[in-house]
Amino acid sequence: MQSGEIIKQRYKIMAPRIIKALQDRNFEAYFCETAEEGAKKALSFIPEGETVSWGGSLTIHEIGLTKLIKEGNYQVIDRDLAETEEERIKMMRQALTCHTFLSSVNAVSEDGIMINIDGMGNRIAAIAFGPESVILLVGMNKICRDRDAAVTRARTETAPANALRLGLDLPCTNTGCCFDCSKKECTCSQIVEMRCNRVPGRIKVILIGEAFGL
């Protein structure tokens, strides 16, 4: 068996326990073995004609979900189409009241705590409150042993990688390591720990049995 297949098998074995942990915290949780299955599962929760938006998630793009949304019968708020920074910010605010918000998370502990780290805060704001429905697509590579390990992953792996992706001039882009900076463009300005869901059915988590996102 190839190494990739071994890892996928491990993800499949782990998934039921992670799903149970998320459900115990009142999140709806599902497992899909492939990206295609994950994207289709997400679409099954979005009624045609609804307004859909998303934050700066690589996962939802990598699995092809944003492409399917744009090709479907939905009203899309896509900040990447903005022609000015002012228009971009306006669209980010509009996304806070859309029907369905798509995203991923930066890390998930084995007992179901989800960690999100953000620069502007628009993504974590929409996940926490605003849109009627939130669908989180999460590669199983983001599963961590516990809450502290999840925070460490977000700070020391995700944040520097995202800063590099965005071409920012930060200590972490020059060294590859987090220096707990307070620069204006810091990508880890805000960190949110999601430990429970108070609105039944609002937040759905789709675990994907492959590695996606940062």
Protein backbone atom coordinates (compact mmCIF):
# COMPACT_ATOMS: atom_id res chain seq x y z
CA MET A 1 0.00 0.00 0.00
CA GLN A 2 1.33 3.44 -0.97
CA SER A 3 1.97 6.02 1.76
CA GLY A 4 -0.91 8.19 0.53
CA GLU A 5 -3.33 5.28 0.79
CA ILE A 6 -2.10 4.47 4.30
CA ILE A 7 -2.76 8.06 5.39
CA LYS A 8 -6.25 8.01 3.85
CA GLN A 9 -6.98 4.76 5.67
CA ARG A 10 -5.86 6.33 8.94
CA TYR A 11 -8.14 9.33 8.31
CA LYS A 12 -11.07 7.00 7.68
CA ILE A 13 -10.41 5.16 10.94
CA MET A 14 -10.12 8.43 12.90
CA ALA A 15 -13.19 10.11 11.41
CA PRO A 16 -16.01 8.49 13.47
CA ARG A 17 -14.38 9.58 16.73
CA ILE A 18 -13.90 13.16 15.53
CA ILE A 19 -17.47 13.31 14.23
CA LYS A 20 -18.80 12.08 17.58
CA ALA A 21 -16.74 14.74 19.39
CA LEU A 22 -18.14 17.49 17.14
CA GLN A 23 -21.70 16.22 17.53
CA ASP A 24 -21.29 16.22 21.31
CA ARG A 25 -20.58 19.95 20.98
CA ASN A 26 -23.80 20.44 18.95
CA PHE A 27 -22.14 20.77 15.53
CA GLU A 28 -23.55 18.75 12.66
CA ALA A 29 -20.68 16.64 11.37
CA TYR A 30 -20.13 14.40 8.35
CA PHE A 31 -17.25 12.51 6.75
CA CYS A 32 -16.56 12.30 3.01
CA GLU A 33 -13.62 10.29 1.72
CA THR A 34 -12.94 12.48 -1.32
CA ALA A 35 -13.03 16.14 -2.30
CA GLU A 36 -15.73 15.48 -4.88
CA GLU A 37 -17.96 13.85 -2.27
CA GLY A 38 -17.30 16.71 0.14
CA ALA A 39 -18.26 19.37 -2.41
CA LYS A 40 -21.45 17.51 -3.32
CA LYS A 41 -22.35 17.14 0.34
CA ALA A 42 -21.94 20.88 0.86
CA LEU A 43 -24.13 21.67 -2.15
CA SER A 44 -26.88 19.44 -0.75
CA PHE A 45 -27.26 21.90 2.13
CA ILE A 46 -27.56 25.03 -0.06
CA PRO A 47 -30.98 25.73 -1.62
CA GLU A 48 -30.88 27.12 -5.16
CA GLY A 49 -31.29 30.87 -5.38
CA GLU A 50 -29.73 31.52 -1.98
CA THR A 51 -26.97 34.06 -1.41
CA VAL A 52 -23.59 32.40 -0.85
CA SER A 53 -20.23 33.83 0.14
CA TRP A 54 -16.93 32.71 1.63
CA GLY A 55 -13.78 33.87 3.35
CA GLY A 56 -10.15 33.36 2.45
CA SER A 57 -10.19 29.57 2.54
CA LEU A 58 -7.91 27.55 0.27
CA THR A 59 -9.81 24.34 1.01
CA ILE A 60 -13.10 25.35 -0.57
CA HIS A 61 -11.26 26.40 -3.73
CA GLU A 62 -9.05 23.30 -3.83
CA ILE A 63 -12.00 20.92 -3.68
CA GLY A 64 -13.79 22.82 -6.45
CA LEU A 65 -16.71 24.03 -4.35
CA THR A 66 -16.48 27.72 -5.26
CA LYS A 67 -16.40 26.80 -8.96
CA LEU A 68 -19.57 24.73 -8.54
CA ILE A 69 -21.28 27.58 -6.68
CA LYS A 70 -20.41 30.08 -9.41
CA GLU A 71 -21.70 27.72 -12.08
CA GLY A 72 -24.91 26.99 -10.17
CA ASN A 73 -28.12 28.86 -9.53
CA TYR A 74 -26.95 30.98 -6.60
CA GLN A 75 -26.45 34.64 -5.79
CA VAL A 76 -22.72 34.93 -5.13
CA ILE A 77 -20.82 37.53 -3.14
CA ASP A 78 -17.23 37.10 -4.31
CA ARG A 79 -14.91 39.71 -2.88
CA ASP A 80 -12.18 38.72 -5.35
CA LEU A 81 -14.22 40.39 -8.09
CA ALA A 82 -13.99 43.78 -6.36
CA GLU A 83 -12.21 46.47 -8.38
CA THR A 84 -11.17 48.59 -5.41
CA GLU A 85 -10.25 47.94 -1.79
CA GLU A 86 -13.30 49.96 -0.73
CA GLU A 87 -15.57 47.70 -2.78
CA ARG A 88 -13.81 44.63 -1.41
CA ILE A 89 -14.46 45.68 2.20
CA LYS A 90 -18.09 46.45 1.34
CA MET A 91 -18.54 42.94 -0.08
CA MET A 92 -16.91 41.42 2.99
CA ARG A 93 -19.49 43.20 5.13
CA GLN A 94 -22.31 42.01 2.86
CA ALA A 95 -21.09 38.46 3.35
CA LEU A 96 -21.89 38.75 7.06
CA THR A 97 -25.60 38.63 6.24
CA CYS A 98 -25.60 36.12 3.39
CA HIS A 99 -27.65 32.93 3.66
CA THR A 100 -24.75 30.46 3.47
CA PHE A 101 -21.13 31.13 4.36
CA LEU A 102 -18.46 28.67 3.27
CA SER A 103 -15.13 28.27 5.00
CA SER A 104 -12.70 25.88 6.58
CA VAL A 105 -10.95 26.00 9.94
CA ASN A 106 -7.27 26.13 10.77
CA ALA A 107 -7.26 23.24 13.21
CA VAL A 108 -9.57 20.81 15.02
CA SER A 109 -8.76 19.01 18.25
CA GLU A 110 -9.63 15.35 18.63
CA ASP A 111 -12.27 16.32 21.18
CA GLY A 112 -14.04 18.65 18.74
CA ILE A 113 -12.70 22.14 19.47
CA MET A 114 -12.14 24.17 16.30
CA ILE A 115 -9.55 26.94 16.08
CA ASN A 116 -9.62 29.77 13.57
CA ILE A 117 -6.99 32.46 13.11
CA ASP A 118 -7.61 35.60 11.08
CA GLY A 119 -6.05 38.87 9.99
CA MET A 120 -9.05 41.10 9.18
CA GLY A 121 -11.53 39.10 11.24
CA ASN A 122 -14.25 38.95 8.58
CA ARG A 123 -14.06 35.17 8.22
CA ILE A 124 -14.26 34.36 11.91
CA ALA A 125 -16.97 36.99 12.38
CA ALA A 126 -19.17 35.35 9.74
CA ILE A 127 -18.60 31.90 11.19
CA ALA A 128 -19.44 33.03 14.72
CA PHE A 129 -22.55 35.07 13.90
CA GLY A 130 -24.43 36.51 10.93
CA PRO A 131 -25.11 34.11 8.06
CA GLU A 132 -28.03 31.76 8.62
CA SER A 133 -25.97 28.74 7.63
CA VAL A 134 -22.24 28.01 7.89
CA ILE A 135 -20.60 25.06 6.14
CA LEU A 136 -17.05 24.22 7.15
CA LEU A 137 -15.03 21.90 4.94
CA VAL A 138 -12.03 20.50 6.74
CA GLY A 139 -9.24 18.26 5.48
CA MET A 140 -8.36 15.57 8.01
CA ASN A 141 -4.77 16.86 7.96
CA LYS A 142 -6.00 19.61 10.31
CA ILE A 143 -6.87 17.25 13.14
CA CYS A 144 -4.69 17.82 16.22
CA ARG A 145 -4.31 15.91 19.47
CA ASP A 146 -5.83 18.55 21.74
CA ARG A 147 -6.84 22.19 21.99
CA ASP A 148 -3.31 23.43 22.71
CA ALA A 149 -1.91 21.52 19.73
CA ALA A 150 -4.65 23.02 17.54
CA VAL A 151 -3.74 26.56 18.61
CA THR A 152 -0.06 25.81 18.01
CA ARG A 153 -0.84 24.54 14.52
CA ALA A 154 -2.80 27.69 13.71
CA ARG A 155 -0.08 30.00 15.00
CA THR A 156 3.09 28.22 13.88
CA GLU A 157 2.02 26.49 10.66
CA THR A 158 -1.08 28.14 9.20
CA ALA A 159 -0.30 31.80 9.89
CA PRO A 160 3.25 31.84 8.42
CA ALA A 161 2.10 29.84 5.38
CA ASN A 162 -0.81 32.21 4.74
CA ALA A 163 1.47 35.22 5.11
CA LEU A 164 3.75 33.73 2.46
CA ARG A 165 0.75 33.01 0.22
CA LEU A 166 -0.38 36.62 0.50
CA GLY A 167 3.11 38.02 -0.07
CA LEU A 168 3.21 39.97 3.19
CA ASP A 169 6.35 41.46 4.68
CA LEU A 170 6.24 39.97 8.17
CA PRO A 171 8.76 38.30 10.48
CA CYS A 172 7.19 34.90 9.76
CA THR A 173 7.58 35.30 6.00
CA ASN A 174 11.28 35.99 6.46
CA THR A 175 11.95 33.16 8.90
CA GLY A 176 9.07 30.70 8.45
CA CYS A 177 8.34 30.92 12.18
CA CYS A 178 5.84 32.92 14.25
CA PHE A 179 7.39 35.78 16.24
CA ASP A 180 4.15 36.93 17.91
CA CYS A 181 4.46 40.20 16.03
CA SER A 182 2.07 43.16 16.14
CA LYS A 183 2.62 44.35 12.58
CA LYS A 184 -0.28 46.06 10.82
CA GLU A 185 -0.60 43.21 8.29
CA CYS A 186 -0.33 40.44 10.88
CA THR A 187 -2.28 37.38 9.71
CA CYS A 188 -2.94 36.14 13.24
CA SER A 189 -4.51 39.29 14.67
CA GLN A 190 -7.51 37.41 16.00
CA ILE A 191 -7.95 33.85 17.19
CA VAL A 192 -11.34 32.27 17.88
CA GLU A 193 -11.93 29.00 19.71
CA MET A 194 -15.19 27.31 18.72
CA ARG A 195 -16.10 24.89 21.47
CA CYS A 196 -19.90 24.68 21.11
CA ASN A 197 -22.72 25.58 18.73
CA ARG A 198 -25.76 27.25 20.30
CA VAL A 199 -27.98 27.40 17.19
CA PRO A 200 -29.10 23.88 16.19
CA GLY A 201 -28.24 23.05 12.57
CA ARG A 202 -26.49 26.35 11.83
CA ILE A 203 -22.92 25.05 11.63
CA LYS A 204 -22.19 21.96 9.58
CA VAL A 205 -18.71 20.44 9.50
CA ILE A 206 -17.71 18.23 6.58
CA LEU A 207 -14.49 16.32 7.22
CA ILE A 208 -12.68 15.24 4.06
CA GLY A 209 -10.45 12.19 4.13
CA GLU A 210 -7.61 13.92 2.31
CA ALA A 211 -5.16 16.75 2.96
CA PHE A 212 -6.47 20.19 1.98
CA GLY A 213 -5.74 23.77 2.92
CA LEU A 214 -3.04 25.20 5.14
